[in-house]
Each structure stands twice: as structure tokens, then as C-alpha cells.
Protein backbone atom coordinates (compact mmCIF):
# COMPACT_ATOMS: atom_id res chain seq x y z
CA MET A 1 22.88 81.63 15.34
CA SER A 2 21.57 78.46 16.98
CA ARG A 3 19.54 79.18 20.10
CA LEU A 4 20.79 76.01 21.75
CA PHE A 5 24.36 77.23 21.13
CA VAL A 6 23.54 80.59 22.75
CA ARG A 7 21.95 78.80 25.70
CA ILE A 8 24.96 76.55 26.24
CA TRP A 9 27.34 79.51 25.81
CA LEU A 10 25.44 81.65 28.32
CA THR A 11 25.30 78.75 30.77
CA PHE A 12 29.07 78.35 30.51
CA TRP A 13 29.67 82.01 31.30
CA ALA A 14 27.08 81.99 34.07
CA VAL A 15 28.86 79.05 35.69
CA LEU A 16 32.21 80.82 35.30
CA VAL A 17 30.95 84.08 36.85
CA ALA A 18 29.18 82.22 39.64
CA THR A 19 32.39 80.29 40.39
CA VAL A 20 34.43 83.51 40.67
CA LEU A 21 31.83 85.26 42.84
CA VAL A 22 31.45 82.33 45.18
CA ALA A 23 35.23 81.91 45.35
CA LEU A 24 35.60 85.58 46.33
CA ALA A 25 32.87 85.24 48.91
CA VAL A 26 34.51 82.15 50.41
CA ASP A 27 37.92 83.84 50.44
CA TYR A 28 36.42 86.90 52.10
CA GLY A 29 34.92 84.70 54.78
CA ILE A 30 38.30 83.01 55.29
CA ALA A 31 39.98 86.44 55.61
CA VAL A 32 37.42 87.59 58.19
CA GLU A 33 37.90 84.43 60.23
CA ARG A 34 41.70 84.82 59.97
CA GLY A 35 41.46 88.37 61.28
CA ARG A 36 39.41 87.19 64.24
CA SER A 37 41.97 84.49 65.00
CA ILE A 38 44.77 87.13 64.97
CA ASP A 39 42.83 89.22 67.47
CA ARG A 40 42.77 86.21 69.79
CA MET A 41 46.53 85.58 69.52
CA SER A 42 49.01 86.37 72.31
CA PRO A 43 52.08 88.42 71.25
CA GLN A 44 54.04 86.82 74.10
CA ALA A 45 53.28 83.30 72.83
CA LEU A 46 54.23 84.27 69.28
CA ALA A 47 57.53 85.74 70.50
CA GLU A 48 58.33 82.58 72.46
CA GLN A 49 57.64 80.47 69.38
CA GLY A 50 59.98 82.63 67.27
CA ALA A 51 62.66 82.54 69.93
CA GLN A 52 62.55 78.75 70.03
CA VAL A 53 63.03 78.60 66.26
CA ILE A 54 66.06 80.94 66.41
CA ALA A 55 67.54 79.05 69.37
CA ALA A 56 67.21 75.74 67.52
CA ASP A 57 68.32 76.65 63.98
CA GLY A 58 69.77 80.14 64.03
CA GLU A 59 68.74 83.50 62.60
CA ALA A 60 68.26 82.10 59.06
CA ALA A 61 65.49 79.90 60.46
CA GLY A 62 64.08 83.01 62.15
CA ARG A 63 63.84 84.74 58.76
CA ARG A 64 62.03 81.73 57.31
CA TRP A 65 59.69 81.72 60.29
CA ILE A 66 58.78 85.38 59.65
CA LEU A 67 58.02 84.66 55.97
CA ALA A 68 55.95 81.58 56.86
CA GLN A 69 53.90 83.55 59.36
CA HIS A 70 53.31 86.33 56.81
CA SER A 71 52.12 83.79 54.25
CA ARG A 72 49.76 82.26 56.82
CA LEU A 73 48.65 85.56 58.40
CA PRO A 74 49.10 88.36 55.81
CA GLU A 75 47.36 90.88 58.07
CA LEU A 76 50.13 90.59 60.72
CA SER A 77 53.60 92.15 60.28
CA ILE A 78 56.40 90.56 62.34
CA PHE A 79 59.82 92.14 62.98
CA ILE A 80 62.71 90.49 64.83
CA VAL A 81 65.56 92.81 65.84
CA ALA A 82 68.86 91.14 66.75
CA PRO A 83 71.02 92.40 69.66
CA ASP A 84 73.24 94.22 67.19
CA GLY A 85 70.26 96.25 65.85
CA ARG A 86 69.74 94.29 62.60
CA GLU A 87 66.24 93.30 61.59
CA LEU A 88 66.45 89.69 60.43
CA THR A 89 64.60 90.25 57.12
CA GLY A 90 66.68 93.36 56.30
CA ARG A 91 64.12 96.03 57.05
CA SER A 92 65.44 99.41 58.25
CA PRO A 93 65.33 100.78 61.82
CA PRO A 94 62.80 103.51 60.84
CA GLU A 95 60.42 100.77 59.62
CA VAL A 96 60.83 98.94 62.91
CA ALA A 97 60.19 102.17 64.80
CA ARG A 98 56.99 102.84 62.83
CA ALA A 99 55.90 99.26 63.46
CA ARG A 100 56.30 99.69 67.23
CA GLY A 101 54.06 102.73 67.04
CA HIS A 102 52.05 102.92 70.24
CA ALA A 103 53.07 99.55 71.59
CA GLY A 104 52.12 99.13 75.20
CA ASN A 105 48.83 101.08 75.01
CA GLY A 106 46.85 98.08 76.31
CA ALA A 107 45.81 96.65 72.93
CA ARG A 108 47.19 93.31 71.70
CA PHE A 109 48.68 94.92 68.59
CA PRO A 110 51.01 96.67 68.04
CA ALA A 111 53.16 94.93 70.62
CA ALA A 112 56.90 94.72 71.41
CA VAL A 113 58.24 91.70 73.30
CA THR A 114 61.86 91.02 74.26
CA GLU A 115 62.93 87.36 74.40
CA ALA A 116 66.34 86.04 75.43
CA VAL A 117 67.86 83.57 72.99
CA ARG A 118 71.00 81.89 74.34
CA GLY A 119 71.44 84.79 76.72
CA ARG A 120 71.11 87.46 74.03
CA PRO A 121 68.04 89.77 73.87
CA TYR A 122 65.93 89.69 70.67
CA LEU A 123 63.19 92.26 70.16
CA PHE A 124 59.94 90.91 68.59
CA VAL A 125 57.61 93.55 67.18
CA PHE A 126 54.07 92.63 66.06
CA ARG A 127 51.76 95.00 64.22
CA ARG A 128 48.46 94.63 62.36
CA ALA A 129 49.39 95.73 58.83
CA ARG A 130 45.71 96.05 57.90
CA SER A 131 42.43 95.10 59.42
CA LEU A 132 41.52 92.65 56.62
CA ALA A 133 43.80 91.25 53.92
CA PHE A 134 41.54 90.42 50.97
CA ASP A 135 41.94 90.70 47.19
CA VAL A 136 41.19 88.70 44.07
CA TRP A 137 44.62 87.06 43.96
CA ASP A 138 44.04 85.45 47.34
CA VAL A 139 41.75 82.98 45.57
CA VAL A 140 44.65 81.78 43.42
CA THR A 141 46.81 81.19 46.49
CA GLN A 142 44.23 78.65 47.76
CA PRO A 143 43.90 76.12 44.90
CA TRP A 144 42.00 73.55 46.95
CA VAL A 145 39.22 76.08 47.56
CA LEU A 146 39.13 77.11 43.91
CA ALA A 147 39.14 73.48 42.67
CA ALA A 148 36.32 72.48 45.02
CA LEU A 149 34.22 75.47 43.98
CA VAL A 150 34.82 74.84 40.26
CA LEU A 151 33.81 71.20 40.60
CA ALA A 152 30.73 71.96 42.69
CA ILE A 153 29.36 74.91 40.70
CA SER A 154 30.21 73.49 37.27
CA GLY A 155 28.60 70.20 38.32
CA LEU A 156 25.41 71.97 39.35
CA GLY A 157 25.39 74.05 36.17
CA ALA A 158 26.01 71.01 33.98
CA ALA A 159 23.28 69.07 35.79
CA TRP A 160 20.78 71.90 35.24
CA LEU A 161 21.76 72.23 31.58
CA ALA A 162 21.62 68.47 31.00
CA ARG A 163 18.20 68.23 32.64
CA SER A 164 16.85 71.17 30.65
CA LEU A 165 18.00 69.49 27.43
CA THR A 166 17.41 65.78 28.13
CA ALA A 167 13.89 66.17 29.58
CA PRO A 168 12.38 67.47 26.29
CA ILE A 169 14.52 65.04 24.28
CA GLN A 170 13.13 62.13 26.31
CA ARG A 171 9.61 63.39 25.66
CA LEU A 172 10.37 63.62 21.95
CA GLN A 173 11.76 60.09 22.04
CA ALA A 174 8.64 58.79 23.80
CA GLN A 175 6.44 60.53 21.23
CA VAL A 176 8.36 59.01 18.33
CA ARG A 177 8.04 55.56 19.91
CA SER A 178 4.33 56.12 20.40
CA ILE A 179 3.96 57.04 16.73
CA ALA A 180 5.96 53.95 15.73
CA ALA A 181 3.60 51.83 17.86
CA GLY A 182 0.57 53.28 16.08
CA GLY A 183 -0.42 56.07 18.47
CA LEU A 184 -0.82 58.71 15.81
CA GLY A 185 -3.43 60.66 17.75
CA SER A 186 -1.10 61.79 20.55
CA ARG A 187 0.57 65.19 20.33
CA MET A 188 3.33 67.07 22.13
CA GLY A 189 2.20 69.59 24.74
CA PRO A 190 2.25 73.35 24.16
CA ASP A 191 5.05 73.75 26.72
CA LEU A 192 7.33 71.97 24.25
CA THR A 193 5.93 73.03 20.88
CA GLN A 194 6.00 76.71 21.89
CA ARG A 195 9.69 76.69 22.75
CA GLY A 196 11.70 79.08 20.61
CA ASP A 197 14.73 76.82 20.15
CA GLU A 198 15.54 73.85 17.93
CA LEU A 199 13.82 71.38 20.29
CA GLY A 200 10.57 73.29 19.94
CA ALA A 201 10.91 73.25 16.15
CA LEU A 202 11.56 69.50 16.26
CA ALA A 203 8.47 68.97 18.43
CA ARG A 204 6.33 70.92 15.97
CA ASP A 205 7.76 68.90 13.08
CA ILE A 206 7.00 65.62 14.86
CA ASP A 207 3.39 66.71 15.52
CA GLU A 208 3.02 67.75 11.89
CA MET A 209 4.49 64.44 10.73
CA ALA A 210 2.10 62.45 12.98
CA ALA A 211 -0.88 64.43 11.70
CA ARG A 212 0.21 63.89 8.10
CA ILE A 213 0.74 60.14 8.60
CA GLN A 214 -2.63 59.90 10.35
CA ALA A 215 -4.33 61.64 7.44
CA LEU A 216 -2.58 59.40 4.91
CA ILE A 217 -3.56 56.23 6.79
CA ALA A 218 -7.14 57.43 7.12
CA ALA A 219 -7.22 58.18 3.41
CA ARG A 220 -5.80 54.75 2.62
CA GLU A 221 -8.34 53.01 4.81
CA ALA A 222 -11.15 55.00 3.24
CA MET A 223 -9.84 54.10 -0.19
CA LEU A 224 -9.68 50.40 0.72
CA ARG A 225 -13.25 50.47 1.97
CA ASP A 226 -14.48 52.36 -1.08
CA VAL A 227 -12.63 50.09 -3.52
CA SER A 228 -13.93 46.99 -1.74
CA HIS A 229 -17.51 48.18 -1.88
CA GLU A 230 -17.17 49.31 -5.47
CA LEU A 231 -15.75 45.93 -6.50
CA ARG A 232 -18.49 43.92 -4.84
CA ALA A 233 -21.24 45.41 -6.98
CA PRO A 234 -19.79 44.33 -10.38
CA LEU A 235 -18.86 40.97 -8.84
CA ALA A 236 -22.48 40.43 -7.85
CA ARG A 237 -23.62 41.36 -11.34
CA LEU A 238 -20.98 39.07 -12.87
CA ARG A 239 -22.16 36.17 -10.72
CA ALA A 240 -25.79 36.83 -11.74
CA VAL A 241 -24.83 36.92 -15.44
CA ALA A 242 -22.90 33.63 -15.04
CA ASP A 243 -25.90 31.97 -13.40
CA LEU A 244 -28.17 33.22 -16.16
CA ALA A 245 -25.80 31.98 -18.89
CA ARG A 246 -25.57 28.57 -17.18
CA LYS A 247 -29.35 28.25 -17.20
CA ARG A 248 -29.41 28.99 -20.94
CA GLY A 249 -26.76 26.32 -21.50
CA GLY A 250 -23.08 26.77 -22.09
CA PRO A 251 -19.68 25.17 -21.43
CA GLU A 252 -19.77 24.10 -17.79
CA ALA A 253 -15.97 24.26 -17.37
CA ALA A 254 -15.95 27.97 -18.31
CA PHE A 255 -18.68 28.74 -15.80
CA ALA A 256 -16.85 26.78 -13.11
CA ARG A 257 -13.73 28.82 -13.80
CA ILE A 258 -15.75 32.04 -13.59
CA ASP A 259 -17.18 30.90 -10.24
CA ARG A 260 -13.72 30.15 -8.87
CA GLU A 261 -12.36 33.53 -9.87
CA ILE A 262 -15.40 35.26 -8.42
CA ASP A 263 -14.94 33.36 -5.16
CA ARG A 264 -11.27 34.32 -5.02
CA LEU A 265 -12.02 37.99 -5.66
CA ASP A 266 -14.81 37.92 -3.10
CA ALA A 267 -12.48 36.38 -0.51
CA LEU A 268 -9.81 38.98 -1.26
CA ILE A 269 -12.30 41.83 -0.86
CA ALA A 270 -13.48 40.36 2.43
CA GLN A 271 -9.89 40.26 3.67
CA ILE A 272 -9.31 43.86 2.55
CA LEU A 273 -12.35 44.98 4.55
CA ARG A 274 -11.21 42.95 7.56
CA PHE A 275 -7.70 44.41 7.37
CA SER A 276 -9.13 47.93 7.14
CA ARG A 277 -11.25 47.37 10.25
CA LEU A 278 -8.25 46.00 12.12
CA GLU A 279 -6.20 49.08 11.20
CA ALA A 280 -8.96 51.19 12.78
CA GLU A 281 -9.09 48.80 15.80
CA ALA A 282 -12.84 48.51 15.41
CA ASP A 283 -15.16 45.72 16.63
CA ILE A 284 -12.73 44.23 19.18
CA VAL A 285 -14.45 42.46 22.08
CA ARG A 286 -12.11 41.06 24.72
CA ALA A 287 -13.05 38.07 26.89
CA PRO A 288 -11.27 35.00 28.29
CA VAL A 289 -10.56 32.54 25.44
CA ASP A 290 -9.46 28.90 25.90
CA LEU A 291 -6.83 28.50 23.21
CA SER A 292 -6.85 24.70 23.41
CA ASP A 293 -10.55 24.57 22.48
CA LEU A 294 -10.10 27.24 19.82
CA LEU A 295 -7.09 25.49 18.27
CA THR A 296 -8.90 22.13 18.31
CA GLU A 297 -11.79 23.60 16.30
CA ILE A 298 -9.43 25.23 13.81
CA VAL A 299 -7.46 22.01 13.33
CA GLU A 300 -10.65 20.02 12.74
CA ASP A 301 -11.66 22.44 9.97
CA ALA A 302 -8.15 22.35 8.48
CA ARG A 303 -8.21 18.52 8.43
CA LEU A 304 -11.25 18.61 6.17
CA GLU A 305 -9.44 20.89 3.75
CA ALA A 306 -6.21 18.87 3.94
CA ALA A 307 -7.89 15.50 3.44
CA GLY A 308 -8.65 16.29 -0.21
CA ALA A 309 -4.91 16.51 -0.94
CA ALA A 310 -3.95 13.51 1.21
CA LYS A 311 -2.39 15.78 3.83
CA THR A 312 -2.65 15.35 7.59
CA VAL A 313 -2.84 17.87 10.40
CA GLU A 314 -1.56 16.80 13.81
CA LEU A 315 -2.38 18.59 17.07
CA ARG A 316 -0.53 18.63 20.40
CA CYS A 317 -1.98 20.58 23.34
CA ARG A 318 -0.41 20.64 26.78
CA GLY A 319 -3.37 21.53 28.99
CA ALA A 320 -5.79 24.42 28.86
CA THR A 321 -4.28 27.81 28.14
CA THR A 322 -6.49 30.87 28.59
CA VAL A 323 -5.86 34.31 27.07
CA LEU A 324 -7.81 37.55 27.09
CA GLY A 325 -8.89 38.58 23.62
CA ASP A 326 -11.40 38.52 20.80
CA ALA A 327 -12.10 34.86 19.96
CA ARG A 328 -13.30 35.72 16.45
CA LEU A 329 -10.14 37.66 15.56
CA LEU A 330 -7.81 35.13 17.20
CA ARG A 331 -9.52 32.34 15.27
CA SER A 332 -9.01 34.27 12.03
CA ALA A 333 -5.31 34.84 12.76
CA VAL A 334 -4.49 31.24 13.67
CA GLU A 335 -6.65 29.91 10.84
CA ASN A 336 -4.80 32.04 8.29
CA VAL A 337 -1.46 30.63 9.45
CA LEU A 338 -2.69 27.02 9.50
CA ARG A 339 -4.37 27.26 6.09
CA ASN A 340 -1.16 28.67 4.64
CA ALA A 341 0.74 25.67 6.02
CA VAL A 342 -1.85 23.27 4.53
CA ARG A 343 -1.75 25.05 1.20
CA PHE A 344 2.04 25.00 0.76
CA SER A 345 2.71 21.52 2.16
CA PRO A 346 3.32 18.84 -0.48
CA SER A 347 0.77 16.15 -1.17
CA GLY A 348 0.91 13.50 1.53
CA GLY A 349 2.76 15.84 3.88
CA ALA A 350 2.02 16.43 7.55
CA ILE A 351 1.30 19.74 9.27
CA GLU A 352 1.95 20.00 12.99
CA ALA A 353 0.16 22.40 15.32
CA ALA A 354 1.18 22.64 18.99
CA LEU A 355 0.07 24.71 21.97
CA ARG A 356 2.01 25.17 25.21
CA ALA A 357 2.67 27.71 27.93
CA HIS A 358 5.91 29.60 27.43
CA GLY A 359 6.63 31.78 30.46
CA GLY A 360 3.84 34.34 30.66
CA MET A 361 2.85 33.65 27.05
CA ALA A 362 0.77 31.04 25.29
CA ARG A 363 2.72 29.80 22.27
CA ILE A 364 1.12 28.22 19.20
CA THR A 365 3.59 26.65 16.79
CA VAL A 366 2.67 25.61 13.23
CA LEU A 367 5.16 23.48 11.30
CA ASP A 368 4.94 22.34 7.69
CA HIS A 369 7.16 20.44 5.25
CA GLY A 370 6.74 22.77 2.30
CA PRO A 371 9.40 24.62 0.31
CA GLY A 372 9.83 27.30 2.97
CA VAL A 373 10.58 30.92 2.12
CA ARG A 374 13.63 32.48 0.53
CA PRO A 375 15.83 34.11 3.22
CA ASP A 376 15.54 37.54 1.57
CA GLU A 377 11.72 37.24 1.50
CA LEU A 378 11.33 35.95 5.06
CA PRO A 379 11.21 39.40 6.78
CA ARG A 380 8.45 40.54 4.36
CA ILE A 381 5.94 37.69 4.53
CA PHE A 382 3.84 39.58 7.08
CA GLU A 383 3.55 42.69 4.91
CA ALA A 384 0.16 43.48 3.41
CA PHE A 385 -0.27 42.37 -0.22
CA HIS A 386 3.08 40.60 -0.20
CA GLY A 387 2.09 37.27 -1.75
CA ASP A 388 0.97 35.67 -4.94
CA GLY A 389 -2.11 37.87 -5.35
CA SER A 390 -4.58 35.18 -4.27
CA GLY A 391 -5.32 36.62 -0.87
CA ALA A 392 -2.38 35.03 0.94
CA GLY A 393 -0.70 38.42 0.88
CA LEU A 394 -3.27 39.71 3.38
CA GLY A 395 -3.76 36.60 5.50
CA LEU A 396 -0.45 36.81 7.38
CA ALA A 397 -0.68 40.62 7.59
CA ILE A 398 -4.10 40.23 9.24
CA ALA A 399 -2.65 37.63 11.62
CA GLN A 400 0.20 39.95 12.63
CA ARG A 401 -2.17 42.88 13.18
CA VAL A 402 -4.55 40.77 15.29
CA LEU A 403 -1.72 39.53 17.49
CA ARG A 404 -0.29 43.00 18.02
CA LEU A 405 -3.73 44.22 19.06
CA HIS A 406 -3.64 41.43 21.67
CA GLY A 407 -0.13 42.31 22.86
CA GLY A 408 1.37 39.28 21.12
CA GLU A 409 3.82 38.59 18.34
CA ILE A 410 4.17 36.29 15.34
CA ALA A 411 7.44 35.13 13.82
CA ALA A 412 8.48 32.77 11.04
CA ALA A 413 11.67 30.83 10.36
CA ASN A 414 12.80 28.22 7.86
CA ARG A 415 13.22 24.74 9.30
CA PRO A 416 16.59 23.02 8.88
CA GLY A 417 14.96 19.97 7.28
CA GLY A 418 12.77 22.03 4.96
CA GLY A 419 9.48 23.79 5.53
CA LEU A 420 8.40 26.77 7.59
CA SER A 421 7.95 27.20 11.33
CA VAL A 422 5.54 29.91 12.48
CA SER A 423 5.30 30.74 16.20
CA ILE A 424 2.46 32.77 17.71
CA ASP A 425 2.85 34.25 21.21
CA ILE A 426 -0.13 35.66 23.12
CA PRO A 427 -0.07 36.91 26.75
CA ARG A 428 -1.91 34.33 28.81
CA LEU A 429 -4.12 34.80 31.83
CA PRO A 430 -2.50 33.33 34.97
CA ALA A 431 -4.14 30.12 36.15
CA PRO A 432 -5.45 29.99 39.74
CA SER A 433 -2.54 27.74 40.69
CA ASP A 434 -0.11 30.36 39.35
CA HIS A 435 -1.78 32.99 41.52
CA VAL A 436 -1.51 30.75 44.60
CA ARG A 437 2.18 30.13 43.93
CA ALA A 438 2.79 33.87 43.45
CA VAL A 439 1.09 34.69 46.76
CA ALA A 440 3.07 31.97 48.53
CA ALA A 441 6.33 33.26 47.06
CA SER A 442 5.60 36.84 48.14
CA ALA A 443 4.70 35.61 51.64
């Protein structure tokens, strides 16, 4: 049987038992207070009240008055004897005689009081039937008390149960979000993993999953590093053999093709190593970086590459925008995006790069007039190795990883007129004027 089910079931019964016990305790307190109020009553005043009722509405009203008083004060028995010897509620003369008992002994009850009603004498007899009228059924006769107790105690029990269940669930949710954000090294505490119910089992499963994912990622990174290093050795030997063959004389076009392929493989291996280091968050040095200067340098380099294909790169910067980050990694990320735009733009096309402040972010926008990306492929362009196999499949993945390490984001969308729009958002450092305005606003 589920332990959570048992816990909820036991809580339900605990709330039910607590409600009954508290209801009995409250009813007992009400009965005690009622008995004290009876002891303070005056038999003469009660008799006058009953006589007024009979004088106004007759003996039938007197009977109803007796029943109403018994319902309100069950510990007190009231008898009204008419002048002809009848007791108004039909009780016999021996019962009335027993009720009178030792009336007149100085105590308030029992008591016998004669009141004249329209000139006729009516005998009122009052007697304490019992010292305290209390039983379980008295709770039912007071529904407002029972309803208030049920609401209060069930509310407290539900609040305790909800807190005992939602608190660990919220911790599990936070842990899952941490894992999704890359925090694979964090673990649930022993107070949660050592629970004997389903939540404890779920916490242990989440820790085991995080450890397994961490091991798989570490193995993948190690494999990438090993493969990269292993590939570089034969590439170096291949380059040396090509140089040697060129010196001995051979078709120059073939050697040029070999050099190009070697360069492409070497660039791909370099990107694999860079991506592996970024996954491990290694070699990150944060310092203030002026994005306008950085973007200007990147655009100048891109113009040299674009000039060979009769392409142009335009730059628009709206003032200096400073961010906190690693200039080398940020340069690599923006450069990858801009080089992609240059590469896929048609001959004679223009690439636009712009920088502006966007709220608390610095936004770099790169626009091209290329073919764009198929809508079904657009969500995947930032995935590693999702490209044409020439290294572009890692360039955008590296850019996305760099920006996430800096608390930023990168997004791409097809332009209505054709081409691709890539926006890069990086948290910017507030300028001194922003700080002054913030202080003035708070003042």
C-alpha cells in the first residue's frame, strides 16, 4: 500500500477524532457555564416571566414556554400547576410533589413560587434535574459550534498536510530546474532522500539520474578531447607528407585541395576542443567589456572576408555599451554569428550588424539577405553538430553556450523579406548616469 495514501488516510482520521474531542470539550464547557448561570437565576423572576406569558397568550403558551426553557436549560425542570390541579405539560401530581422536594430550605432550587394570573393562583415549581447536562448528542444540537470546529480543525489539518507534502515537492522541483540549467553537481539532502515514502524514492531517483547524466557528459567531453587530440596527430603527418610531395613536384591543384581539407578539419577540431572547454566552464575570465569596440573589431575583420565575394558589412552602434564577461569568448560567439551571415549571404549582398541598449540588456542584431532557414530547422540551428559538417554545426552551438555562461540569450528568426535575423542579448553593466537616475528615483 502507498505510504502517502496511509499518511493522508491517517491524517483524515486524526482530524476527525480531533474535531469530535474538541467539540465535546467545547460542549462540556458550555454545559458548565450554563449550570453556573442557572445557579445565579432567581426562581421568583422566572415565575413572573412564566406568568406574564400565560396572562398574555393562555396556558398553551405556558406549555410552549416550559418546553423552550427546557431546551435552553436542560438541567432545570419547570412545572406549572393550574388552579384546578393540572400540570400544564400533563405531568402527574406525584411528579410535581417529588419536584417540590425540600423547597423552602434556603437554597435557590428546588423552589415553589405562587403567581396570580388574572386573579387565579398558578404554582411554579423549579428543580435542578441534574447538576450538569452533558452528553455526546448535545454537540449535534449546536450545529454552529460543530461547523466552526470542523472548519477550523480540518483547515489546520489540511494546512499541515499540504505543507508536509508541498515543501519536499518544491525542493524536488527546484532540483530538477537546477539539473535542467546544468547544475548536475547538486544533490538532494539526506532529510529528503532518507524518507520512507514515495517522495523519498523520487528524490533518490533524481539524484541517481543527475549522477548518471553527469557521468555521461563527463565521458562525452573526455571522448571529444581524446578524439580531437587523436585526430590532430594524423593531420599533422598528412600536412607534412603533402609538403614533402609538393617539394618533389606534383599537381598543385591536388595539393591545394589537400591543404583546404586539412584546414577545415583543423578548424573543426579546434571548435570541438573549444566547445568541450565551454561545457566544463573552464578558462572564463570576467571583466568589463565595451561591446561597441569589440563589435567594431569583429566587423572590420568580417569586411575583409566579405570583400572577396563583393559583400558588404554595415555597422550601427548607439553609444558605448559595457558588459561583464570574457572578451575572448564573447568575440568568438559574435564572430561565429557574423561569419555565418557573411557566408550565407548572396554575392553582392549586405550584412547589417547593430548594437543598442535594450532595457537592462545589450542587444546585438545581425541581419543577412541569404536564403534563411526552413521553419522546421529553425529551432535546431543552435544544436551541436547540426549543420553541413564544415564546422558551422558547432559555431552557433558555441555562441549559445558562451551567451548562457554570461547570463544572456541568442535567438534566430526568418526575416519577412528573406534572410535570417539573429539577436544576441547580454546583461549590461549600468552606466554611471543610470546609477544616478536610480538613486534620484529612490530618493
